[in-house]
Amino acid sequence: MLVPLITAFCYLESIKNIISYLIPMAGLFLVGGFLGYFKPAKDTRMGAREGYVIVSLSWLLMSLFGCLPFLISGYVKDFFTAFFEISSGFTTTGASALTSEQLSNMLNEGGHSLLMWRSFSHWIGGMGILVFILAIILESKDGSALHVLRAESPGPQVGKITSKMKMSSRILYLIYISMTLLEIAALNICHIFDKNMTFFDSLIMSFGTAGTGGFATTALSCALYAPCSQYVIAIFMLLFSINFSIYYWLLIKNFKDILHNEELRFFIAIVIISVLIITIQIVNLYSNTEEAFRHAFFTVASIVSTTGYATTDYWSGVQGQWPILSLTIILILMFSGACAGSTAGGLKQSRMLILGKYSGTKIKTMVSPRRVEVIRLDGKPLDNKVVESTVAFFVLYIMVFVGCALLISIWNPEMSSTDKTPITMFSASLSCISNIGPGLGAVGPAGGFANFSWFSKLVLTFEMIAGRLELYPIFVLFAPITWKRSA
């Protein structure tokens, strides 16, 4: 919370705003100091079970403490909205339960630090809060910290990029910081052509892009920025959607692994095809081909990276609703997400590849039962455990997505009857579990989650955290075997 606190001092904000960070910081210091007195009796080795529990409880507690500045400052009145907002920040979802009036009040009444806090939560949550801790603490001799990395990092396969856990974490964060600074610099250059892109805006947008989050300074997202800024943000959204191991391979000039990376090739193909189809479909809705291409390119980059920024309202904007095929593509991109090992959410392109190949092998073995098929990714055979885990994850993903969609459909008294539609409920659930932000219907680019009931916000908050941690760490908390000594 030092970052928003420094922001509050820079903008000479009220004492109440400054206190809203000092109180949680003092509380965290006291709680941390108190817990520091408790030492394990004998066995201090961290296993997979401890890694899942540490990550899950840490994210829940950080969200609980992180929402306090919103409540103490008075800009947000109820706990569930504040908890939803900061959880959306840490999980890089970008779904906002704040009204456009609340956002305007923050910007106009000296709440820059709160806007910074919600966007900075994207940045720290994008790469992983506990991965950051692993980068600065002493490395455990037994390598047990790898269990924390596996529990927090996205993708079907997670490992170290170097032999040492601490060095791997540092390399990841150095790449992450460098790319963020590069985007900040690029957006400040765009300020020459775009007076709306101030230095403060460049920080907010860069933090949101790096973490593939999506919080902006206004309810209009990126619509107010000039084409130069929109192109820069779109390009960096795609760059942060790529597995960070690719950038490490670039640094060590390992071009062979980059060229043979199936997920990267599949991801690039999906983006190109989606942009071309949508551009052709919407070209008549805008003044020229460049504008149609820009909105198509930005929207595809935003949705596939699960960032959630918007330059146009594809659901109910001035130009009207986009064609059904374009909206269907957006829905598919919401589901698939970007690459594993990136800051993006969603199912991940690598899992889509594995599921597709698994289905293909099943069809072949049905025709020829004695045939032995080996699933390969990047030319290497995949362990059966990875394939089984991917299938199990997909089933659990669908169950949680559908189950939460049904739960949030139960009670929303503040929503209008026209907003209570199946497309709103299902896209809201998909948006939160995939950590995207905007969806379709009432939660489209011009909509939001402000009118959902406290119960629905709580369900969606659970879904955002579960989706960011890729389901298993959260559900491990509910398994009785987790809490047995003999586990």
Protein backbone atom coordinates (compact mmCIF):
# COMPACT_ATOMS: atom_id res chain seq x y z
CA MET A 1 0.00 0.00 0.00
CA LEU A 2 3.03 2.28 -0.13
CA VAL A 3 2.32 3.02 -3.81
CA PRO A 4 -1.18 4.51 -3.27
CA LEU A 5 0.03 6.19 -0.07
CA ILE A 6 2.81 7.98 -1.99
CA THR A 7 0.21 8.88 -4.66
CA ALA A 8 -1.98 10.45 -1.95
CA PHE A 9 0.93 12.62 -0.80
CA CYS A 10 1.84 13.60 -4.39
CA TYR A 11 -1.72 14.80 -5.08
CA LEU A 12 -2.04 16.44 -1.63
CA GLU A 13 -5.12 14.39 -0.82
CA SER A 14 -7.17 14.65 2.37
CA ILE A 15 -6.06 13.25 5.72
CA LYS A 16 -8.92 10.76 5.52
CA ASN A 17 -7.49 9.30 2.29
CA ILE A 18 -4.03 9.01 3.84
CA ILE A 19 -5.41 7.37 6.98
CA SER A 20 -7.32 4.86 4.82
CA TYR A 21 -3.93 3.30 3.93
CA LEU A 22 -2.15 3.81 7.25
CA ILE A 23 -4.80 1.88 9.24
CA PRO A 24 -4.64 -1.31 7.09
CA MET A 25 -0.83 -1.07 7.00
CA ALA A 26 -0.69 -0.86 10.80
CA GLY A 27 -3.17 -3.74 11.07
CA LEU A 28 -1.12 -5.91 8.73
CA PHE A 29 2.06 -5.08 10.64
CA LEU A 30 0.48 -6.08 13.96
CA VAL A 31 -1.08 -9.28 12.61
CA GLY A 32 2.15 -10.26 10.85
CA GLY A 33 4.20 -9.56 13.97
CA PHE A 34 1.80 -11.59 16.12
CA LEU A 35 1.83 -14.58 13.76
CA GLY A 36 5.62 -14.38 13.59
CA TYR A 37 5.82 -15.58 17.21
CA PHE A 38 4.27 -18.96 16.29
CA LYS A 39 6.82 -21.53 15.17
CA PRO A 40 6.17 -25.06 13.84
CA ALA A 41 6.72 -27.73 16.46
CA LYS A 42 8.89 -30.02 14.33
CA ASP A 43 8.14 -30.68 10.66
CA THR A 44 8.70 -27.47 8.65
CA ARG A 45 8.79 -28.97 5.15
CA MET A 46 6.25 -27.54 2.74
CA GLY A 47 4.42 -30.02 0.51
CA ALA A 48 1.83 -29.63 -2.23
CA ARG A 49 -0.99 -29.50 0.35
CA GLU A 50 0.65 -26.64 2.27
CA GLY A 51 1.38 -24.80 -0.97
CA TYR A 52 -2.30 -24.86 -1.99
CA VAL A 53 -3.50 -23.79 1.46
CA ILE A 54 -0.95 -20.97 1.79
CA VAL A 55 -1.84 -19.54 -1.63
CA SER A 56 -5.62 -19.79 -1.15
CA LEU A 57 -5.74 -18.28 2.33
CA SER A 58 -3.19 -15.59 1.40
CA TRP A 59 -5.29 -14.38 -1.53
CA LEU A 60 -8.46 -14.34 0.58
CA LEU A 61 -6.80 -12.42 3.42
CA MET A 62 -5.08 -9.95 1.09
CA SER A 63 -8.43 -9.19 -0.53
CA LEU A 64 -10.04 -8.66 2.89
CA PHE A 65 -7.34 -6.20 3.97
CA GLY A 66 -7.10 -4.68 0.47
CA CYS A 67 -10.73 -3.55 0.45
CA LEU A 68 -10.32 -1.47 3.64
CA PRO A 69 -9.06 1.74 1.90
CA PHE A 70 -12.29 1.90 -0.13
CA LEU A 71 -14.41 1.62 3.03
CA ILE A 72 -12.34 3.88 5.31
CA SER A 73 -12.11 6.66 2.70
CA GLY A 74 -15.91 6.60 2.35
CA TYR A 75 -15.96 6.36 -1.46
CA VAL A 76 -17.50 2.87 -1.18
CA LYS A 77 -20.25 2.39 1.40
CA ASP A 78 -20.76 -1.36 1.62
CA PHE A 79 -18.29 -4.19 2.29
CA PHE A 80 -19.41 -6.52 -0.52
CA THR A 81 -18.82 -3.90 -3.22
CA ALA A 82 -15.38 -3.04 -1.78
CA PHE A 83 -14.45 -6.73 -1.46
CA PHE A 84 -15.65 -7.37 -5.03
CA GLU A 85 -13.66 -4.39 -6.35
CA ILE A 86 -10.29 -5.25 -4.81
CA SER A 87 -10.70 -8.97 -5.53
CA SER A 88 -11.37 -7.98 -9.13
CA GLY A 89 -8.14 -5.98 -8.95
CA PHE A 90 -5.88 -8.65 -7.43
CA THR A 91 -7.27 -11.36 -9.70
CA THR A 92 -6.80 -9.04 -12.73
CA THR A 93 -10.47 -9.43 -13.67
CA GLY A 94 -11.30 -5.74 -14.04
CA ALA A 95 -15.02 -6.22 -13.42
CA SER A 96 -16.16 -3.12 -11.55
CA ALA A 97 -19.06 -2.81 -9.12
CA LEU A 98 -18.53 0.96 -8.87
CA THR A 99 -20.90 3.30 -10.66
CA SER A 100 -19.68 5.91 -13.14
CA GLU A 101 -20.60 8.53 -10.52
CA GLN A 102 -18.31 6.93 -7.93
CA LEU A 103 -15.44 6.82 -10.42
CA SER A 104 -16.00 10.49 -11.30
CA ASN A 105 -16.02 11.43 -7.61
CA MET A 106 -12.69 9.66 -7.08
CA LEU A 107 -11.09 11.52 -9.97
CA ASN A 108 -12.63 14.93 -9.28
CA GLU A 109 -12.56 14.93 -5.47
CA GLY A 110 -8.96 13.89 -4.93
CA GLY A 111 -9.25 10.11 -4.98
CA HIS A 112 -6.33 9.52 -7.35
CA SER A 113 -4.70 7.22 -4.79
CA LEU A 114 -7.72 4.89 -4.77
CA LEU A 115 -7.69 4.71 -8.57
CA MET A 116 -3.97 3.95 -8.30
CA TRP A 117 -4.61 1.30 -5.63
CA ARG A 118 -7.18 -0.62 -7.69
CA SER A 119 -4.95 -0.51 -10.80
CA PHE A 120 -1.73 -1.31 -8.93
CA SER A 121 -3.52 -4.36 -7.51
CA HIS A 122 -3.72 -5.55 -11.15
CA TRP A 123 0.00 -5.21 -11.55
CA ILE A 124 1.00 -7.01 -8.35
CA GLY A 125 -1.65 -9.69 -8.86
CA GLY A 126 -0.82 -10.29 -12.52
CA MET A 127 2.51 -12.03 -12.08
CA GLY A 128 1.47 -13.37 -8.69
CA ILE A 129 1.76 -11.81 -5.25
CA LEU A 130 3.48 -14.82 -3.74
CA VAL A 131 5.82 -15.18 -6.72
CA PHE A 132 6.97 -11.67 -5.83
CA ILE A 133 7.59 -12.83 -2.25
CA LEU A 134 9.60 -15.80 -3.57
CA ALA A 135 11.78 -13.35 -5.51
CA ILE A 136 12.91 -11.49 -2.39
CA ILE A 137 12.95 -14.04 0.48
CA LEU A 138 15.67 -16.60 1.14
CA GLU A 139 15.24 -19.75 -0.92
CA SER A 140 14.30 -22.94 0.93
CA LYS A 141 16.91 -25.70 0.73
CA ASP A 142 14.36 -28.44 0.01
CA GLY A 143 12.81 -26.60 -2.96
CA SER A 144 9.42 -26.53 -1.27
CA ALA A 145 8.73 -23.00 -2.55
CA LEU A 146 8.02 -24.57 -5.95
CA HIS A 147 4.69 -25.77 -4.53
CA VAL A 148 3.68 -22.12 -4.00
CA LEU A 149 4.67 -21.26 -7.57
CA ARG A 150 2.66 -24.18 -8.93
CA ALA A 151 -0.39 -23.27 -6.85
CA GLU A 152 -0.38 -19.62 -7.95
CA SER A 153 0.86 -19.76 -11.55
CA PRO A 154 -1.52 -20.43 -14.46
CA GLY A 155 -1.27 -23.31 -16.91
CA PRO A 156 -1.36 -27.11 -17.12
CA GLN A 157 2.41 -27.39 -16.54
CA VAL A 158 4.35 -25.10 -14.21
CA GLY A 159 8.05 -25.23 -13.50
CA LYS A 160 11.18 -23.20 -12.97
CA ILE A 161 12.91 -21.51 -15.92
CA THR A 162 16.26 -21.87 -14.11
CA SER A 163 17.54 -24.39 -11.58
CA LYS A 164 16.94 -22.02 -8.65
CA MET A 165 13.44 -21.01 -7.60
CA LYS A 166 14.49 -17.57 -6.38
CA MET A 167 16.37 -16.80 -9.60
CA SER A 168 13.37 -17.93 -11.70
CA SER A 169 11.09 -15.57 -9.78
CA ARG A 170 13.52 -12.68 -10.16
CA ILE A 171 13.91 -13.22 -13.91
CA LEU A 172 10.12 -13.32 -14.35
CA TYR A 173 9.67 -10.08 -12.42
CA LEU A 174 12.56 -8.32 -14.17
CA ILE A 175 10.94 -9.13 -17.55
CA TYR A 176 7.57 -8.02 -16.16
CA ILE A 177 8.92 -4.71 -14.80
CA SER A 178 10.88 -3.98 -18.00
CA MET A 179 7.83 -4.51 -20.23
CA THR A 180 5.69 -2.34 -17.93
CA LEU A 181 8.22 0.52 -18.04
CA LEU A 182 8.42 0.17 -21.82
CA GLU A 183 4.65 0.61 -22.12
CA ILE A 184 4.66 3.62 -19.77
CA ALA A 185 7.33 5.23 -21.95
CA ALA A 186 5.41 4.44 -25.17
CA LEU A 187 2.17 5.92 -23.80
CA ASN A 188 3.98 9.07 -22.69
CA ILE A 189 5.32 9.45 -26.22
CA CYS A 190 1.71 9.11 -27.43
CA HIS A 191 0.89 12.12 -25.23
CA ILE A 192 2.28 14.25 -28.09
CA PHE A 193 -0.78 13.23 -30.15
CA ASP A 194 -3.13 12.39 -27.28
CA LYS A 195 -3.63 15.06 -24.59
CA ASN A 196 -5.97 12.73 -22.68
CA MET A 197 -3.05 10.39 -22.03
CA THR A 198 -1.52 12.08 -18.99
CA PHE A 199 1.34 10.62 -16.97
CA PHE A 200 -1.14 9.39 -14.35
CA ASP A 201 -3.22 7.74 -17.10
CA SER A 202 -0.12 6.08 -18.56
CA LEU A 203 0.58 4.49 -15.15
CA ILE A 204 -3.02 3.34 -14.67
CA MET A 205 -3.32 1.89 -18.18
CA SER A 206 0.11 0.23 -18.05
CA PHE A 207 -0.57 -1.44 -14.69
CA GLY A 208 -3.91 -2.67 -16.06
CA THR A 209 -2.35 -3.90 -19.30
CA ALA A 210 0.62 -5.63 -17.65
CA GLY A 211 -1.62 -7.53 -15.26
CA THR A 212 -4.22 -7.98 -18.04
CA GLY A 213 -6.67 -6.41 -15.58
CA GLY A 214 -8.69 -3.65 -17.17
CA PHE A 215 -9.42 -0.96 -14.58
CA ALA A 216 -9.37 2.52 -16.16
CA THR A 217 -9.80 6.03 -14.76
CA THR A 218 -13.26 6.48 -16.28
CA ALA A 219 -16.29 4.32 -17.11
CA LEU A 220 -15.53 4.94 -20.83
CA SER A 221 -12.36 2.82 -20.54
CA CYS A 222 -10.08 3.57 -23.55
CA ALA A 223 -12.68 5.24 -25.77
CA LEU A 224 -11.38 8.75 -24.97
CA TYR A 225 -7.81 8.03 -26.04
CA ALA A 226 -6.40 8.75 -29.49
CA PRO A 227 -5.72 5.90 -31.97
CA CYS A 228 -1.97 6.06 -31.16
CA SER A 229 -2.60 5.20 -27.49
CA GLN A 230 -5.18 2.55 -28.38
CA TYR A 231 -2.76 0.73 -30.69
CA VAL A 232 0.01 0.80 -28.06
CA ILE A 233 -2.31 -0.61 -25.38
CA ALA A 234 -3.63 -3.31 -27.77
CA ILE A 235 -0.12 -4.42 -28.76
CA PHE A 236 1.02 -4.66 -25.14
CA MET A 237 -2.13 -6.57 -24.16
CA LEU A 238 -1.08 -9.24 -26.65
CA LEU A 239 2.55 -9.15 -25.50
CA PHE A 240 1.51 -9.77 -21.90
CA SER A 241 -0.69 -12.65 -23.11
CA ILE A 242 2.32 -14.69 -24.20
CA ASN A 243 4.09 -17.19 -21.94
CA PHE A 244 6.89 -15.30 -20.19
CA SER A 245 9.26 -18.21 -20.84
CA ILE A 246 9.23 -17.05 -24.48
CA TYR A 247 10.86 -13.76 -23.45
CA TYR A 248 13.46 -15.60 -21.39
CA TRP A 249 14.25 -17.77 -24.42
CA LEU A 250 14.61 -14.59 -26.48
CA LEU A 251 17.12 -13.26 -23.96
CA ILE A 252 19.23 -16.42 -24.10
CA LYS A 253 18.70 -16.69 -27.91
CA ASN A 254 16.90 -20.01 -27.71
CA PHE A 255 15.02 -19.49 -30.99
CA LYS A 256 14.49 -23.21 -31.59
CA ASP A 257 12.07 -23.63 -28.67
CA ILE A 258 10.23 -20.43 -29.66
CA LEU A 259 9.66 -21.62 -33.24
CA HIS A 260 8.49 -25.05 -32.04
CA ASN A 261 6.06 -23.64 -29.46
CA GLU A 262 2.64 -24.87 -30.62
CA GLU A 263 0.70 -22.73 -28.16
CA LEU A 264 2.31 -19.52 -29.45
CA ARG A 265 1.58 -20.40 -33.09
CA PHE A 266 -2.01 -21.38 -32.22
CA PHE A 267 -2.51 -18.15 -30.24
CA ILE A 268 -1.21 -15.93 -33.07
CA ALA A 269 -3.42 -17.75 -35.60
CA ILE A 270 -6.52 -17.33 -33.40
CA VAL A 271 -5.87 -13.57 -33.02
CA ILE A 272 -5.27 -12.97 -36.75
CA ILE A 273 -8.34 -14.95 -37.87
CA SER A 274 -10.59 -13.32 -35.25
CA VAL A 275 -9.46 -9.78 -36.16
CA LEU A 276 -9.97 -10.38 -39.91
CA ILE A 277 -13.47 -11.85 -39.53
CA ILE A 278 -14.67 -9.13 -37.13
CA THR A 279 -13.16 -6.33 -39.26
CA ILE A 280 -14.99 -7.59 -42.35
CA GLN A 281 -18.24 -7.84 -40.38
CA ILE A 282 -18.17 -4.39 -38.75
CA VAL A 283 -16.56 -2.31 -41.50
CA ASN A 284 -19.94 -0.79 -42.42
CA LEU A 285 -20.58 0.29 -38.81
CA TYR A 286 -17.68 2.76 -38.73
CA SER A 287 -16.52 5.70 -40.80
CA ASN A 288 -13.59 3.93 -42.48
CA THR A 289 -11.71 0.62 -42.68
CA GLU A 290 -8.93 1.77 -40.33
CA GLU A 291 -11.40 2.59 -37.56
CA ALA A 292 -13.17 -0.77 -37.97
CA PHE A 293 -9.83 -2.61 -37.94
CA ARG A 294 -8.66 -0.68 -34.85
CA HIS A 295 -11.78 -1.51 -32.85
CA ALA A 296 -11.67 -5.15 -33.99
CA PHE A 297 -7.95 -5.47 -33.19
CA PHE A 298 -8.31 -3.75 -29.81
CA THR A 299 -11.40 -5.78 -28.81
CA VAL A 300 -9.84 -9.12 -29.79
CA ALA A 301 -6.61 -8.23 -27.97
CA SER A 302 -8.59 -7.10 -24.92
CA ILE A 303 -10.84 -10.19 -24.73
CA VAL A 304 -8.30 -12.90 -25.62
CA SER A 305 -5.81 -11.40 -23.13
CA THR A 306 -8.68 -11.20 -20.58
CA THR A 307 -7.79 -7.53 -19.94
CA GLY A 308 -11.24 -6.09 -20.54
CA TYR A 309 -10.43 -2.60 -21.85
CA ALA A 310 -12.78 -1.24 -24.52
CA THR A 311 -12.70 1.39 -27.25
CA THR A 312 -16.26 0.80 -28.43
CA ASP A 313 -19.46 -0.71 -27.08
CA TYR A 314 -19.92 -3.85 -29.17
CA TRP A 315 -23.14 -4.74 -27.35
CA SER A 316 -25.32 -1.62 -27.36
CA GLY A 317 -23.20 1.25 -28.61
CA VAL A 318 -23.95 4.21 -30.89
CA GLN A 319 -23.10 2.09 -33.93
CA GLY A 320 -25.46 -0.60 -32.74
CA GLN A 321 -24.84 -4.17 -31.73
CA TRP A 322 -22.06 -5.99 -33.56
CA PRO A 323 -23.13 -8.90 -35.83
CA ILE A 324 -23.90 -12.21 -34.12
CA LEU A 325 -20.82 -13.96 -35.56
CA SER A 326 -18.54 -11.27 -34.11
CA LEU A 327 -20.21 -11.53 -30.70
CA THR A 328 -19.92 -15.33 -30.83
CA ILE A 329 -16.19 -15.02 -31.54
CA ILE A 330 -15.87 -12.68 -28.54
CA LEU A 331 -17.68 -15.25 -26.38
CA ILE A 332 -15.32 -18.02 -27.54
CA LEU A 333 -12.28 -15.83 -26.85
CA MET A 334 -13.64 -15.13 -23.35
CA PHE A 335 -13.72 -18.85 -22.78
CA SER A 336 -10.32 -19.78 -24.26
CA GLY A 337 -8.16 -16.98 -22.87
CA ALA A 338 -4.48 -16.56 -23.72
CA CYS A 339 -1.26 -18.54 -23.19
CA ALA A 340 -0.28 -20.44 -20.07
CA GLY A 341 2.51 -18.81 -18.08
CA SER A 342 1.24 -15.31 -18.92
CA THR A 343 -0.66 -12.83 -16.76
CA ALA A 344 -3.90 -13.60 -18.64
CA GLY A 345 -6.83 -15.69 -17.46
CA GLY A 346 -9.25 -18.03 -19.19
CA LEU A 347 -8.98 -21.74 -19.92
CA LYS A 348 -5.59 -21.17 -21.69
CA GLN A 349 -4.64 -21.99 -25.27
CA SER A 350 -2.39 -24.89 -24.23
CA ARG A 351 -5.34 -26.62 -22.55
CA MET A 352 -7.44 -26.09 -25.68
CA LEU A 353 -4.69 -27.81 -27.69
CA ILE A 354 -4.41 -30.70 -25.23
CA LEU A 355 -8.19 -31.20 -25.12
CA GLY A 356 -8.37 -31.13 -28.92
CA LYS A 357 -5.56 -33.67 -29.28
CA TYR A 358 -7.04 -35.86 -26.54
CA SER A 359 -10.40 -35.92 -28.34
CA GLY A 360 -8.62 -36.78 -31.59
CA THR A 361 -6.78 -39.74 -30.04
CA LYS A 362 -10.04 -41.03 -28.50
CA ILE A 363 -11.72 -41.02 -31.91
CA LYS A 364 -8.77 -42.94 -33.44
CA THR A 365 -8.71 -45.55 -30.65
CA MET A 366 -12.47 -46.05 -31.00
CA VAL A 367 -11.96 -46.92 -34.69
CA SER A 368 -8.83 -48.98 -33.96
CA PRO A 369 -8.89 -50.20 -30.30
CA ARG A 370 -5.39 -51.74 -30.45
CA ARG A 371 -3.85 -48.52 -31.68
CA VAL A 372 -1.51 -46.79 -29.20
CA GLU A 373 -1.66 -42.99 -29.39
CA VAL A 374 0.72 -40.59 -27.65
CA ILE A 375 -0.34 -36.96 -27.15
CA ARG A 376 2.49 -34.58 -27.95
CA LEU A 377 2.90 -30.86 -27.32
CA ASP A 378 5.81 -28.97 -28.88
CA GLY A 379 7.01 -32.31 -30.25
CA LYS A 380 7.37 -33.83 -26.77
CA PRO A 381 5.13 -36.57 -25.33
CA LEU A 382 2.83 -35.37 -22.57
CA ASP A 383 2.64 -37.22 -19.28
CA ASN A 384 -0.74 -38.92 -18.80
CA LYS A 385 -1.10 -37.06 -15.49
CA VAL A 386 -0.98 -33.73 -17.33
CA VAL A 387 -3.67 -34.88 -19.78
CA GLU A 388 -5.88 -36.26 -16.99
CA SER A 389 -5.42 -33.04 -14.98
CA THR A 390 -6.39 -30.95 -18.02
CA VAL A 391 -9.58 -32.93 -18.62
CA ALA A 392 -10.48 -32.78 -14.91
CA PHE A 393 -9.81 -29.03 -14.86
CA PHE A 394 -12.06 -28.50 -17.90
CA VAL A 395 -14.93 -30.44 -16.26
CA LEU A 396 -14.54 -28.51 -12.98
CA TYR A 397 -14.30 -25.23 -14.92
CA ILE A 398 -17.63 -25.88 -16.66
CA MET A 399 -19.30 -27.00 -13.42
CA VAL A 400 -18.23 -23.86 -11.53
CA PHE A 401 -19.10 -21.57 -14.46
CA VAL A 402 -22.62 -23.00 -14.86
CA GLY A 403 -23.21 -23.38 -11.09
CA CYS A 404 -22.28 -19.76 -10.34
CA ALA A 405 -24.39 -18.54 -13.29
CA LEU A 406 -27.39 -20.28 -11.70
CA LEU A 407 -26.61 -18.89 -8.23
CA ILE A 408 -26.36 -15.26 -9.35
CA SER A 409 -29.68 -15.66 -11.18
CA ILE A 410 -31.55 -16.24 -7.90
CA TRP A 411 -31.79 -12.76 -6.38
CA ASN A 412 -30.96 -9.32 -7.85
CA PRO A 413 -33.72 -6.91 -6.73
CA GLU A 414 -31.94 -3.75 -7.97
CA MET A 415 -31.57 -4.99 -11.55
CA SER A 416 -34.18 -4.03 -14.11
CA SER A 417 -36.26 -6.77 -15.72
CA THR A 418 -34.59 -6.10 -19.09
CA ASP A 419 -31.15 -6.77 -17.53
CA LYS A 420 -32.17 -10.06 -15.91
CA THR A 421 -31.44 -12.21 -18.93
CA PRO A 422 -29.64 -15.56 -19.32
CA ILE A 423 -26.95 -13.93 -21.50
CA THR A 424 -26.20 -11.44 -18.70
CA MET A 425 -25.94 -14.12 -16.01
CA PHE A 426 -23.91 -16.59 -18.06
CA SER A 427 -21.53 -13.97 -19.46
CA ALA A 428 -21.09 -12.42 -15.98
CA SER A 429 -20.13 -15.84 -14.62
CA LEU A 430 -17.82 -16.56 -17.57
CA SER A 431 -16.28 -13.10 -17.27
CA CYS A 432 -15.41 -13.64 -13.61
CA ILE A 433 -14.11 -17.20 -13.79
CA SER A 434 -11.99 -16.24 -16.84
CA ASN A 435 -10.88 -12.98 -15.13
CA ILE A 436 -11.96 -10.82 -18.08
CA GLY A 437 -14.19 -7.98 -16.80
CA PRO A 438 -16.79 -7.03 -19.41
CA GLY A 439 -19.17 -9.58 -20.85
CA LEU A 440 -22.40 -9.37 -22.79
CA GLY A 441 -25.83 -8.04 -21.90
CA ALA A 442 -26.01 -5.81 -18.81
CA VAL A 443 -22.32 -6.47 -18.08
CA GLY A 444 -21.17 -5.37 -21.54
CA PRO A 445 -18.49 -2.68 -22.12
CA ALA A 446 -20.91 0.12 -21.15
CA GLY A 447 -22.44 -1.82 -18.26
CA GLY A 448 -21.10 -3.17 -14.99
CA PHE A 449 -21.75 -5.16 -11.84
CA ALA A 450 -23.02 -2.33 -9.62
CA ASN A 451 -26.66 -3.49 -9.67
CA PHE A 452 -25.98 -7.07 -8.66
CA SER A 453 -27.10 -8.05 -5.14
CA TRP A 454 -24.64 -8.55 -2.29
CA PHE A 455 -25.14 -12.31 -2.63
CA SER A 456 -24.33 -12.27 -6.36
CA LYS A 457 -21.26 -10.10 -5.72
CA LEU A 458 -20.03 -12.59 -3.11
CA VAL A 459 -20.54 -15.52 -5.50
CA LEU A 460 -18.74 -13.68 -8.31
CA THR A 461 -15.91 -12.69 -5.96
CA PHE A 462 -15.41 -16.35 -5.06
CA GLU A 463 -15.44 -17.17 -8.77
CA MET A 464 -12.82 -14.51 -9.57
CA ILE A 465 -10.40 -15.77 -6.91
CA ALA A 466 -11.04 -19.41 -7.83
CA GLY A 467 -10.51 -18.61 -11.52
CA ARG A 468 -7.27 -16.71 -10.88
CA LEU A 469 -5.86 -19.59 -8.83
CA GLU A 470 -7.16 -22.07 -11.43
CA LEU A 471 -9.78 -23.67 -9.16
CA TYR A 472 -7.78 -26.42 -7.45
CA PRO A 473 -6.14 -24.37 -4.63
CA ILE A 474 -9.53 -22.96 -3.56
CA PHE A 475 -11.35 -26.30 -3.69
CA VAL A 476 -8.52 -27.99 -1.78
CA LEU A 477 -9.61 -25.88 1.22
CA PHE A 478 -12.98 -27.68 1.22
CA ALA A 479 -11.51 -31.20 1.04
CA PRO A 480 -11.51 -32.91 4.51
CA ILE A 481 -8.28 -34.75 3.66
CA THR A 482 -6.47 -31.39 3.46
CA TRP A 483 -6.83 -30.88 7.20
CA LYS A 484 -5.88 -34.39 8.32
CA ARG A 485 -2.38 -34.94 9.67
CA SER A 486 -2.02 -38.19 7.78
CA ALA A 487 -2.82 -36.52 4.43
